[in-house]
């Protein structure tokens, strides 16, 4: 290769390497480092696509109950284990039917493509509320779940579905003995 062609190609090679590095960093930024789930930005982009394509999509918002107490009683590593267990269980339940994400702290989110899958929400709630193993002991975990079916909204937007699922989740938190997901009441 002549020196002039080499001199012209070096900036292009550098730019290509830099672009690849940026793409990998962006992909990593869209994944929660603890659970491996999509972060808010990564989940929202994928969930918007699902919401546009699937009229019967269901949005779930989940929150670990008394998470601070778990951290205070058993340590932050146990809290991390609870977050990982919750993320793993939620991802397994979604399977190929949807996607799960972690919004931050002890708050998770999911969207599934069809309402038929939502018939198994009580199974999900039971699974999420099963104790998890940490340091050789079984630790309790409690998760409140709120859900919203897009088809039930006047305006089928992800933002409105999250707002409705959030209200349903907080209603579930205030229900004594609750274990299952609370649907929106629209």
Protein backbone atom coordinates (compact mmCIF):
# COMPACT_ATOMS: atom_id res chain seq x y z
CA UNK A 1 0.00 0.00 0.00
CA UNK A 2 1.43 3.41 -0.86
CA UNK A 3 1.98 5.96 1.91
CA UNK A 4 -0.67 8.34 0.66
CA UNK A 5 -3.40 5.65 0.72
CA UNK A 6 -2.20 4.56 4.15
CA UNK A 7 -2.32 8.14 5.44
CA UNK A 8 -5.85 8.54 4.12
CA UNK A 9 -7.08 5.24 5.60
CA UNK A 10 -5.71 5.70 9.14
CA UNK A 11 -8.38 8.22 10.22
CA UNK A 12 -11.09 5.94 8.82
CA UNK A 13 -9.72 2.96 10.75
CA UNK A 14 -9.56 5.07 13.91
CA UNK A 15 -13.10 6.31 13.41
CA UNK A 16 -14.38 2.76 12.87
CA UNK A 17 -12.67 1.56 16.07
CA UNK A 18 -14.04 4.54 18.00
CA UNK A 19 -17.58 3.94 16.67
CA UNK A 20 -17.42 0.28 17.71
CA UNK A 21 -16.29 1.23 21.20
CA UNK A 22 -19.10 3.77 21.54
CA UNK A 23 -21.68 1.23 20.36
CA UNK A 24 -20.48 -1.28 22.99
CA UNK A 25 -20.57 1.38 25.72
CA UNK A 26 -24.09 2.44 24.72
CA UNK A 27 -25.28 -1.18 24.79
CA UNK A 28 -23.71 -1.63 28.24
CA UNK A 29 -25.36 1.57 29.48
CA UNK A 30 -28.75 0.16 28.49
CA UNK A 31 -28.21 -2.88 30.76
CA UNK A 32 -28.33 -2.84 34.53
CA UNK A 33 -24.93 -4.10 35.73
CA UNK A 34 -26.39 -5.96 38.72
CA UNK A 35 -29.34 -7.82 37.18
CA UNK A 36 -28.46 -7.74 33.49
CA UNK A 37 -31.94 -6.40 32.74
CA UNK A 38 -32.57 -3.47 30.45
CA UNK A 39 -32.39 -0.05 32.11
CA UNK A 40 -35.22 2.47 31.83
CA UNK A 41 -33.98 3.80 28.47
CA UNK A 42 -33.37 0.38 26.96
CA UNK A 43 -36.63 -1.06 28.21
CA UNK A 44 -38.70 1.95 27.16
CA UNK A 45 -37.44 1.82 23.57
CA UNK A 46 -38.30 -1.88 23.23
CA UNK A 47 -41.60 -1.55 25.12
CA UNK A 48 -42.72 1.32 22.85
CA UNK A 49 -42.27 -0.98 19.84
CA UNK A 50 -44.29 -3.74 21.51
CA UNK A 51 -47.04 -1.29 22.52
CA UNK A 52 -47.34 -0.02 18.93
CA UNK A 53 -47.51 -3.51 17.43
CA UNK A 54 -49.60 -5.41 19.98
CA UNK A 55 -52.96 -3.98 21.02
CA UNK A 56 -53.35 -6.61 23.76
CA UNK A 57 -49.97 -5.89 25.39
CA UNK A 58 -49.88 -5.80 29.18
CA UNK A 59 -47.56 -3.55 31.19
CA UNK A 60 -46.45 -4.57 34.68
CA UNK A 61 -44.82 -2.46 37.35
CA UNK A 62 -43.25 -4.27 40.32
CA UNK A 63 -41.75 -3.10 43.58
CA UNK A 64 -40.03 -5.04 46.35
CA UNK A 65 -41.86 -4.45 49.62
CA UNK A 66 -39.82 -3.45 52.69
CA UNK A 67 -36.59 -3.58 50.69
CA UNK A 68 -34.86 -1.21 53.11
CA UNK A 69 -35.69 -3.57 55.96
CA UNK A 70 -34.18 -6.49 54.01
CA UNK A 71 -30.97 -4.50 53.46
CA UNK A 72 -30.85 -3.38 57.09
CA UNK A 73 -31.53 -6.86 58.48
CA UNK A 74 -29.36 -9.02 56.22
CA UNK A 75 -26.96 -6.58 54.54
CA UNK A 76 -26.69 -4.96 51.14
CA UNK A 77 -25.31 -8.12 49.53
CA UNK A 78 -28.53 -9.90 50.52
CA UNK A 79 -30.50 -7.00 49.04
CA UNK A 80 -28.52 -7.37 45.83
CA UNK A 81 -29.31 -11.10 45.82
CA UNK A 82 -33.03 -10.27 46.19
CA UNK A 83 -32.83 -7.89 43.22
CA UNK A 84 -31.02 -10.50 41.12
CA UNK A 85 -33.54 -13.21 42.08
CA UNK A 86 -36.45 -10.93 41.23
CA UNK A 87 -34.93 -9.98 37.87
CA UNK A 88 -34.19 -13.61 37.03
CA UNK A 89 -37.71 -14.75 37.95
CA UNK A 90 -39.36 -11.91 36.01
CA UNK A 91 -37.21 -12.56 32.93
CA UNK A 92 -37.99 -16.28 33.03
CA UNK A 93 -41.72 -15.55 33.29
CA UNK A 94 -41.64 -13.11 30.36
CA UNK A 95 -39.67 -15.56 28.24
CA UNK A 96 -40.14 -14.90 24.55
CA UNK A 97 -43.50 -13.21 25.21
CA UNK A 98 -42.09 -9.89 26.39
CA UNK A 99 -39.24 -8.05 28.06
CA UNK A 100 -38.31 -7.13 31.60
CA UNK A 101 -36.36 -4.16 32.90
CA UNK A 102 -35.14 -2.56 36.08
CA UNK A 103 -36.13 1.06 36.47
CA UNK A 104 -33.80 1.56 39.41
CA UNK A 105 -33.62 0.76 43.10
CA UNK A 106 -36.14 -1.98 43.84
CA UNK A 107 -38.51 -1.16 40.98
CA UNK A 108 -38.95 -3.46 37.99
CA UNK A 109 -41.07 -3.30 34.86
CA UNK A 110 -42.20 -5.70 32.16
CA UNK A 111 -44.33 -5.75 29.06
CA UNK A 112 -45.82 -8.84 27.50
CA UNK A 113 -47.27 -8.99 24.01
CA UNK A 114 -50.61 -10.63 24.61
CA UNK A 115 -53.30 -10.70 27.25
CA UNK A 116 -53.46 -14.51 27.15
CA UNK A 117 -50.09 -14.59 28.91
CA UNK A 118 -51.47 -12.28 31.60
CA UNK A 119 -53.73 -15.12 32.76
CA UNK A 120 -50.59 -16.40 34.47
CA UNK A 121 -50.04 -13.21 36.52
CA UNK A 122 -50.99 -14.96 39.75
CA UNK A 123 -48.34 -17.58 39.02
CA UNK A 124 -45.83 -14.78 38.53
CA UNK A 125 -46.83 -13.17 41.82
CA UNK A 126 -46.43 -16.47 43.69
CA UNK A 127 -43.04 -17.06 42.09
CA UNK A 128 -41.81 -13.54 42.87
CA UNK A 129 -42.91 -13.89 46.50
CA UNK A 130 -41.08 -17.18 47.11
CA UNK A 131 -38.10 -16.93 49.48
CA UNK A 132 -34.68 -16.81 47.81
CA UNK A 133 -31.44 -18.45 48.89
CA UNK A 134 -28.62 -16.30 50.19
CA UNK A 135 -25.60 -17.44 52.16
CA UNK A 136 -27.12 -20.84 52.77
CA UNK A 137 -30.34 -19.48 54.22
CA UNK A 138 -33.79 -18.88 52.83
CA UNK A 139 -34.71 -15.18 52.99
CA UNK A 140 -38.20 -13.77 52.55
CA UNK A 141 -39.08 -11.46 49.69
CA UNK A 142 -42.35 -9.72 48.95
CA UNK A 143 -43.15 -8.06 45.65
CA UNK A 144 -46.14 -5.87 44.82
CA UNK A 145 -47.33 -6.08 41.21
CA UNK A 146 -49.57 -3.70 39.29
CA UNK A 147 -50.63 -4.29 35.71
CA UNK A 148 -52.39 -2.46 32.93
CA UNK A 149 -53.76 -3.83 29.69
CA UNK A 150 -53.17 -1.38 26.86
CA UNK A 151 -56.49 -2.32 25.25
CA UNK A 152 -58.33 -0.94 28.32
CA UNK A 153 -56.84 2.55 27.96
CA UNK A 154 -58.58 5.36 26.10
CA UNK A 155 -55.20 6.36 24.70
CA UNK A 156 -52.87 3.40 24.28
CA UNK A 157 -49.55 4.94 25.27
CA UNK A 158 -46.78 3.36 27.28
CA UNK A 159 -46.70 6.38 29.56
CA UNK A 160 -50.41 6.05 30.40
CA UNK A 161 -50.02 2.30 30.91
CA UNK A 162 -47.13 2.84 33.34
CA UNK A 163 -49.14 5.42 35.26
CA UNK A 164 -52.09 3.03 35.55
CA UNK A 165 -49.85 0.08 36.51
CA UNK A 166 -48.18 2.28 39.14
CA UNK A 167 -51.56 3.14 40.68
CA UNK A 168 -52.54 -0.54 40.66
CA UNK A 169 -49.23 -1.51 42.28
CA UNK A 170 -49.71 0.98 45.11
CA UNK A 171 -53.26 -0.26 45.58
CA UNK A 172 -51.80 -3.78 45.92
CA UNK A 173 -49.34 -2.53 48.55
CA UNK A 174 -52.22 -1.23 50.64
CA UNK A 175 -54.25 -4.45 50.44
CA UNK A 176 -53.78 -6.69 53.50
CA UNK A 177 -52.81 -10.24 52.58
CA UNK A 178 -52.43 -9.38 48.93
CA UNK A 179 -50.25 -11.64 46.84
CA UNK A 180 -51.45 -11.27 43.30
CA UNK A 181 -51.19 -8.44 40.81
CA UNK A 182 -53.72 -5.67 40.88
CA UNK A 183 -55.15 -4.78 37.48
CA UNK A 184 -56.13 -1.27 36.65
CA UNK A 185 -59.71 -0.37 37.33
CA UNK A 186 -60.79 1.59 34.30
